[in-house]
């Protein structure tokens, strides 16, 4: 069976983590590029709205964190854990 779509595929319904761009992933990448060091990575499978990852970073005595339930963020964080990012 072949399914063909004419025009762009549009998904309807509410927002879903994992689809589209994630501003927190962009922020995390920028912080790492600016020299922030990852000091902690946690995964909260019971977070409101679904599983979410949090990355804590430090630089020059300052601390910040990035949290997202986005699939691309999760995959990037998994790469950080494995030293690939």
Protein backbone atom coordinates (compact mmCIF):
# COMPACT_ATOMS: atom_id res chain seq x y z
CA UNK A 1 0.00 0.00 0.00
CA UNK A 2 1.33 3.40 -0.97
CA UNK A 3 0.08 6.55 0.74
CA UNK A 4 0.71 9.87 -0.97
CA UNK A 5 0.20 13.29 0.57
CA UNK A 6 -0.46 16.45 -1.34
CA UNK A 7 0.86 19.52 0.36
CA UNK A 8 2.38 19.67 3.82
CA UNK A 9 1.43 17.12 6.42
CA UNK A 10 -0.31 18.86 9.32
CA UNK A 11 -0.84 17.36 12.74
CA UNK A 12 -3.84 18.50 14.70
CA UNK A 13 -4.47 18.54 18.40
CA UNK A 14 -2.53 19.86 21.37
CA UNK A 15 1.17 20.47 21.65
CA UNK A 16 3.29 17.38 21.90
CA UNK A 17 6.80 17.26 23.24
CA UNK A 18 9.16 15.90 20.66
CA UNK A 19 7.74 17.70 17.64
CA UNK A 20 9.36 20.84 16.27
CA UNK A 21 12.13 22.99 17.68
CA UNK A 22 13.02 23.06 21.36
CA UNK A 23 14.26 26.43 22.68
CA UNK A 24 15.76 24.75 25.77
CA UNK A 25 17.89 22.49 23.59
CA UNK A 26 19.17 25.53 21.70
CA UNK A 27 19.89 27.27 25.02
CA UNK A 28 21.73 24.21 26.37
CA UNK A 29 23.88 23.95 23.24
CA UNK A 30 24.70 27.67 23.44
CA UNK A 31 25.67 27.44 27.10
CA UNK A 32 28.00 24.51 26.40
CA UNK A 33 29.52 26.43 23.45
CA UNK A 34 30.09 29.38 25.82
CA UNK A 35 32.14 27.19 28.14
CA UNK A 36 29.57 26.12 30.73
CA UNK A 37 30.40 22.72 32.26
CA UNK A 38 27.77 20.01 32.73
CA UNK A 39 27.80 19.04 36.40
CA UNK A 40 24.64 16.98 36.74
CA UNK A 41 22.08 15.25 34.52
CA UNK A 42 18.80 13.91 35.90
CA UNK A 43 15.81 12.26 34.32
CA UNK A 44 12.40 12.63 35.97
CA UNK A 45 10.10 9.99 34.52
CA UNK A 46 7.21 11.19 36.71
CA UNK A 47 7.39 14.90 35.78
CA UNK A 48 4.08 16.66 35.16
CA UNK A 49 3.36 16.43 31.45
CA UNK A 50 5.62 13.43 30.95
CA UNK A 51 9.25 12.46 31.42
CA UNK A 52 11.74 15.35 31.45
CA UNK A 53 15.50 15.73 31.60
CA UNK A 54 17.37 18.41 33.57
CA UNK A 55 20.96 19.43 32.94
CA UNK A 56 22.77 21.52 35.57
CA UNK A 57 25.71 23.59 34.34
CA UNK A 58 28.32 25.76 36.08
CA UNK A 59 30.72 28.47 34.94
CA UNK A 60 32.82 30.87 36.99
CA UNK A 61 30.92 30.01 40.19
CA UNK A 62 27.48 30.53 38.60
CA UNK A 63 24.96 27.71 38.18
CA UNK A 64 22.07 27.36 35.76
CA UNK A 65 19.89 24.54 34.50
CA UNK A 66 17.95 23.53 31.42
CA UNK A 67 14.89 21.28 31.63
CA UNK A 68 12.81 19.88 28.80
CA UNK A 69 10.45 17.03 27.98
CA UNK A 70 11.30 17.28 24.29
CA UNK A 71 12.52 14.14 22.53
CA UNK A 72 15.42 15.91 20.79
CA UNK A 73 16.56 17.31 24.16
CA UNK A 74 16.46 13.81 25.65
CA UNK A 75 18.54 12.37 22.82
CA UNK A 76 21.09 15.19 23.13
CA UNK A 77 21.32 14.63 26.90
CA UNK A 78 21.85 10.91 26.34
CA UNK A 79 24.78 11.88 24.12
CA UNK A 80 26.16 14.08 26.90
CA UNK A 81 25.98 11.15 29.29
CA UNK A 82 27.95 9.02 26.86
CA UNK A 83 30.41 11.82 26.09
CA UNK A 84 29.32 12.15 22.47
CA UNK A 85 27.91 15.68 22.40
